[in-house]
Amino acid sequence: MIEIKDLLLKFNNLLISENFKIDSIKKVIFEVIGLKIKSEDIKIKNNIIYLNIKPIYKNEIFLKKEEIFLKLKESLGKKAPQKII
């Protein structure tokens, strides 16, 4: 039988990895574009990055998305998100 502490530990590991991904995304976008984004404005669902920012900033990110994804793959490896919306 699985104990509650084991389930909570697995859930905690998932949260840490999501926070690590969000921090990596923030860092890469800042390196490439020089734009600081709040953690609350970044959501990851089904390996897709959802950004809640102004359209002018999204356009800048889309123009440099290849460079952003290359740096994300370097830092996150296979767990790097595949798309930005």
N, C-alpha and C. Protein backbone atom coordinates (compact mmCIF):
# COMPACT_ATOMS: atom_id res chain seq x y z
N MET A 1 0.83 -1.17 0.00
CA MET A 1 0.00 0.00 0.00
C MET A 1 0.88 1.25 0.00
N ILE A 2 0.51 2.21 -0.81
CA ILE A 2 1.28 3.46 -0.92
C ILE A 2 0.89 4.40 0.22
N GLU A 3 1.89 4.94 0.86
CA GLU A 3 1.63 5.86 1.96
C GLU A 3 1.43 7.28 1.42
N ILE A 4 0.74 8.07 2.18
CA ILE A 4 0.44 9.44 1.78
C ILE A 4 1.72 10.25 1.61
N LYS A 5 2.70 10.03 2.46
CA LYS A 5 3.95 10.79 2.35
C LYS A 5 4.64 10.53 1.01
N ASP A 6 4.53 9.29 0.50
CA ASP A 6 5.14 8.98 -0.79
C ASP A 6 4.44 9.72 -1.91
N LEU A 7 3.12 9.79 -1.85
CA LEU A 7 2.36 10.53 -2.86
C LEU A 7 2.68 12.02 -2.81
N LEU A 8 2.77 12.56 -1.60
CA LEU A 8 3.09 13.97 -1.46
C LEU A 8 4.50 14.27 -1.95
N LEU A 9 5.42 13.37 -1.74
CA LEU A 9 6.79 13.54 -2.22
C LEU A 9 6.82 13.59 -3.75
N LYS A 10 6.06 12.70 -4.40
CA LYS A 10 5.99 12.71 -5.86
C LYS A 10 5.39 14.02 -6.36
N PHE A 11 4.33 14.49 -5.70
CA PHE A 11 3.69 15.74 -6.08
C PHE A 11 4.65 16.91 -5.89
N ASN A 12 5.41 16.89 -4.82
CA ASN A 12 6.38 17.95 -4.56
C ASN A 12 7.46 17.98 -5.65
N ASN A 13 7.91 16.82 -6.09
CA ASN A 13 8.91 16.75 -7.16
C ASN A 13 8.36 17.33 -8.46
N LEU A 14 7.09 17.09 -8.75
CA LEU A 14 6.48 17.66 -9.95
C LEU A 14 6.44 19.17 -9.87
N LEU A 15 6.09 19.71 -8.71
CA LEU A 15 6.04 21.16 -8.54
C LEU A 15 7.41 21.79 -8.68
N ILE A 16 8.41 21.15 -8.12
CA ILE A 16 9.77 21.68 -8.22
C ILE A 16 10.21 21.71 -9.68
N SER A 17 9.89 20.68 -10.42
CA SER A 17 10.32 20.66 -11.81
C SER A 17 9.59 21.74 -12.62
N GLU A 18 8.31 21.99 -12.33
CA GLU A 18 7.58 23.04 -13.02
C GLU A 18 8.19 24.40 -12.70
N ASN A 19 8.50 24.63 -11.43
CA ASN A 19 9.12 25.89 -11.04
C ASN A 19 10.49 26.05 -11.69
N PHE A 20 11.23 24.96 -11.78
CA PHE A 20 12.54 25.01 -12.43
C PHE A 20 12.39 25.36 -13.91
N LYS A 21 11.39 24.77 -14.58
CA LYS A 21 11.15 25.08 -15.98
C LYS A 21 10.80 26.55 -16.17
N ILE A 22 9.91 27.05 -15.30
CA ILE A 22 9.50 28.45 -15.41
C ILE A 22 10.69 29.38 -15.19
N ASP A 23 11.52 29.07 -14.20
CA ASP A 23 12.71 29.89 -13.96
C ASP A 23 13.67 29.84 -15.15
N SER A 24 13.81 28.68 -15.76
CA SER A 24 14.68 28.55 -16.93
C SER A 24 14.13 29.36 -18.10
N ILE A 25 12.82 29.33 -18.29
CA ILE A 25 12.19 30.10 -19.37
C ILE A 25 12.40 31.59 -19.15
N LYS A 26 12.20 32.04 -17.91
CA LYS A 26 12.41 33.45 -17.59
C LYS A 26 13.85 33.86 -17.89
N LYS A 27 14.79 33.03 -17.48
CA LYS A 27 16.21 33.32 -17.65
C LYS A 27 16.58 33.39 -19.13
N VAL A 28 16.11 32.44 -19.93
CA VAL A 28 16.44 32.39 -21.35
C VAL A 28 15.83 33.59 -22.08
N ILE A 29 14.58 33.91 -21.79
CA ILE A 29 13.95 35.06 -22.45
C ILE A 29 14.68 36.34 -22.09
N PHE A 30 15.12 36.46 -20.84
CA PHE A 30 15.87 37.65 -20.45
C PHE A 30 17.21 37.72 -21.17
N GLU A 31 17.89 36.57 -21.32
CA GLU A 31 19.18 36.54 -22.02
C GLU A 31 19.04 36.92 -23.49
N VAL A 32 17.99 36.41 -24.14
CA VAL A 32 17.84 36.60 -25.58
C VAL A 32 17.26 37.97 -25.91
N ILE A 33 16.24 38.38 -25.17
CA ILE A 33 15.52 39.61 -25.51
C ILE A 33 15.77 40.75 -24.53
N GLY A 34 16.06 40.41 -23.29
CA GLY A 34 16.24 41.44 -22.27
C GLY A 34 14.94 41.82 -21.61
N LEU A 35 13.96 40.92 -21.66
CA LEU A 35 12.62 41.17 -21.10
C LEU A 35 12.45 40.36 -19.82
N LYS A 36 12.08 41.05 -18.74
CA LYS A 36 11.80 40.36 -17.49
C LYS A 36 10.31 40.03 -17.43
N ILE A 37 10.02 38.75 -17.21
CA ILE A 37 8.63 38.28 -17.12
C ILE A 37 8.41 37.72 -15.73
N LYS A 38 7.26 38.00 -15.15
CA LYS A 38 6.91 37.46 -13.83
C LYS A 38 6.59 35.98 -13.96
N SER A 39 6.86 35.24 -12.91
CA SER A 39 6.56 33.80 -12.90
C SER A 39 5.06 33.55 -13.06
N GLU A 40 4.24 34.46 -12.54
CA GLU A 40 2.78 34.29 -12.64
C GLU A 40 2.29 34.41 -14.08
N ASP A 41 3.06 35.04 -14.94
CA ASP A 41 2.66 35.24 -16.33
C ASP A 41 3.08 34.10 -17.25
N ILE A 42 3.70 33.07 -16.69
CA ILE A 42 4.14 31.92 -17.48
C ILE A 42 3.43 30.67 -16.96
N LYS A 43 2.77 29.98 -17.86
CA LYS A 43 2.12 28.70 -17.54
C LYS A 43 2.64 27.66 -18.53
N ILE A 44 2.81 26.43 -18.05
CA ILE A 44 3.22 25.33 -18.91
C ILE A 44 2.16 24.25 -18.82
N LYS A 45 1.60 23.89 -19.96
CA LYS A 45 0.57 22.85 -20.00
C LYS A 45 0.78 22.02 -21.26
N ASN A 46 0.86 20.72 -21.11
CA ASN A 46 1.08 19.79 -22.24
C ASN A 46 2.32 20.17 -23.05
N ASN A 47 3.37 20.57 -22.35
CA ASN A 47 4.65 20.91 -22.96
C ASN A 47 4.56 22.14 -23.88
N ILE A 48 3.59 23.02 -23.61
CA ILE A 48 3.41 24.27 -24.34
C ILE A 48 3.51 25.42 -23.35
N ILE A 49 4.26 26.46 -23.73
CA ILE A 49 4.42 27.64 -22.87
C ILE A 49 3.32 28.64 -23.22
N TYR A 50 2.57 29.05 -22.20
CA TYR A 50 1.55 30.08 -22.37
C TYR A 50 2.04 31.34 -21.65
N LEU A 51 2.11 32.43 -22.40
CA LEU A 51 2.59 33.69 -21.84
C LEU A 51 1.43 34.68 -21.73
N ASN A 52 1.28 35.28 -20.58
CA ASN A 52 0.25 36.28 -20.35
C ASN A 52 0.94 37.65 -20.30
N ILE A 53 1.39 38.11 -21.48
CA ILE A 53 2.10 39.39 -21.58
C ILE A 53 1.52 40.18 -22.75
N LYS A 54 1.96 41.42 -22.89
CA LYS A 54 1.47 42.29 -23.96
C LYS A 54 1.88 41.74 -25.33
N PRO A 55 1.02 41.93 -26.33
CA PRO A 55 1.31 41.40 -27.68
C PRO A 55 2.62 41.89 -28.28
N ILE A 56 3.03 43.09 -27.97
CA ILE A 56 4.29 43.61 -28.54
C ILE A 56 5.48 42.78 -28.04
N TYR A 57 5.41 42.34 -26.78
CA TYR A 57 6.49 41.51 -26.24
C TYR A 57 6.42 40.09 -26.81
N LYS A 58 5.20 39.59 -27.02
CA LYS A 58 5.05 38.27 -27.63
C LYS A 58 5.64 38.25 -29.03
N ASN A 59 5.41 39.32 -29.80
CA ASN A 59 5.96 39.39 -31.15
C ASN A 59 7.48 39.31 -31.13
N GLU A 60 8.10 40.01 -30.20
CA GLU A 60 9.56 39.97 -30.08
C GLU A 60 10.04 38.55 -29.74
N ILE A 61 9.29 37.87 -28.87
CA ILE A 61 9.64 36.50 -28.51
C ILE A 61 9.48 35.58 -29.71
N PHE A 62 8.40 35.74 -30.49
CA PHE A 62 8.19 34.89 -31.66
C PHE A 62 9.28 35.11 -32.72
N LEU A 63 9.78 36.35 -32.82
CA LEU A 63 10.85 36.61 -33.79
C LEU A 63 12.13 35.88 -33.41
N LYS A 64 12.36 35.67 -32.14
CA LYS A 64 13.59 35.03 -31.66
C LYS A 64 13.34 33.64 -31.08
N LYS A 65 12.19 33.03 -31.42
CA LYS A 65 11.83 31.77 -30.76
C LYS A 65 12.80 30.62 -31.05
N GLU A 66 13.41 30.60 -32.23
CA GLU A 66 14.37 29.53 -32.51
C GLU A 66 15.55 29.58 -31.55
N GLU A 67 16.06 30.78 -31.33
CA GLU A 67 17.18 30.94 -30.40
C GLU A 67 16.75 30.61 -28.97
N ILE A 68 15.53 30.99 -28.61
CA ILE A 68 15.00 30.70 -27.28
C ILE A 68 14.90 29.19 -27.07
N PHE A 69 14.35 28.48 -28.07
CA PHE A 69 14.20 27.03 -27.93
C PHE A 69 15.55 26.31 -27.91
N LEU A 70 16.53 26.81 -28.64
CA LEU A 70 17.86 26.19 -28.59
C LEU A 70 18.45 26.30 -27.19
N LYS A 71 18.32 27.47 -26.58
CA LYS A 71 18.86 27.65 -25.23
C LYS A 71 18.05 26.85 -24.20
N LEU A 72 16.74 26.74 -24.40
CA LEU A 72 15.93 25.92 -23.49
C LEU A 72 16.32 24.46 -23.57
N LYS A 73 16.60 23.97 -24.78
CA LYS A 73 17.02 22.57 -24.93
C LYS A 73 18.37 22.33 -24.26
N GLU A 74 19.24 23.35 -24.29
CA GLU A 74 20.53 23.21 -23.63
C GLU A 74 20.36 23.09 -22.12
N SER A 75 19.43 23.88 -21.56
CA SER A 75 19.29 23.88 -20.10
C SER A 75 18.35 22.80 -19.59
N LEU A 76 17.29 22.46 -20.34
CA LEU A 76 16.30 21.50 -19.85
C LEU A 76 16.40 20.13 -20.52
N GLY A 77 17.08 20.04 -21.63
CA GLY A 77 17.20 18.77 -22.34
C GLY A 77 15.89 18.35 -22.97
N LYS A 78 15.56 17.08 -22.83
CA LYS A 78 14.35 16.53 -23.46
C LYS A 78 13.06 17.07 -22.84
N LYS A 79 13.15 17.61 -21.64
CA LYS A 79 11.95 18.11 -20.98
C LYS A 79 11.62 19.56 -21.38
N ALA A 80 12.35 20.10 -22.32
CA ALA A 80 12.11 21.48 -22.76
C ALA A 80 10.77 21.56 -23.48
N PRO A 81 9.99 22.61 -23.23
CA PRO A 81 8.72 22.81 -23.95
C PRO A 81 8.98 22.95 -25.44
N GLN A 82 7.98 22.60 -26.23
CA GLN A 82 8.13 22.56 -27.68
C GLN A 82 7.48 23.73 -28.40
N LYS A 83 6.62 24.49 -27.72
CA LYS A 83 5.85 25.52 -28.39
C LYS A 83 5.58 26.68 -27.45
N ILE A 84 5.43 27.89 -28.02
CA ILE A 84 5.07 29.08 -27.24
C ILE A 84 3.77 29.63 -27.79
N ILE A 85 2.85 29.94 -26.87
CA ILE A 85 1.58 30.59 -27.25
C ILE A 85 1.41 31.81 -26.40
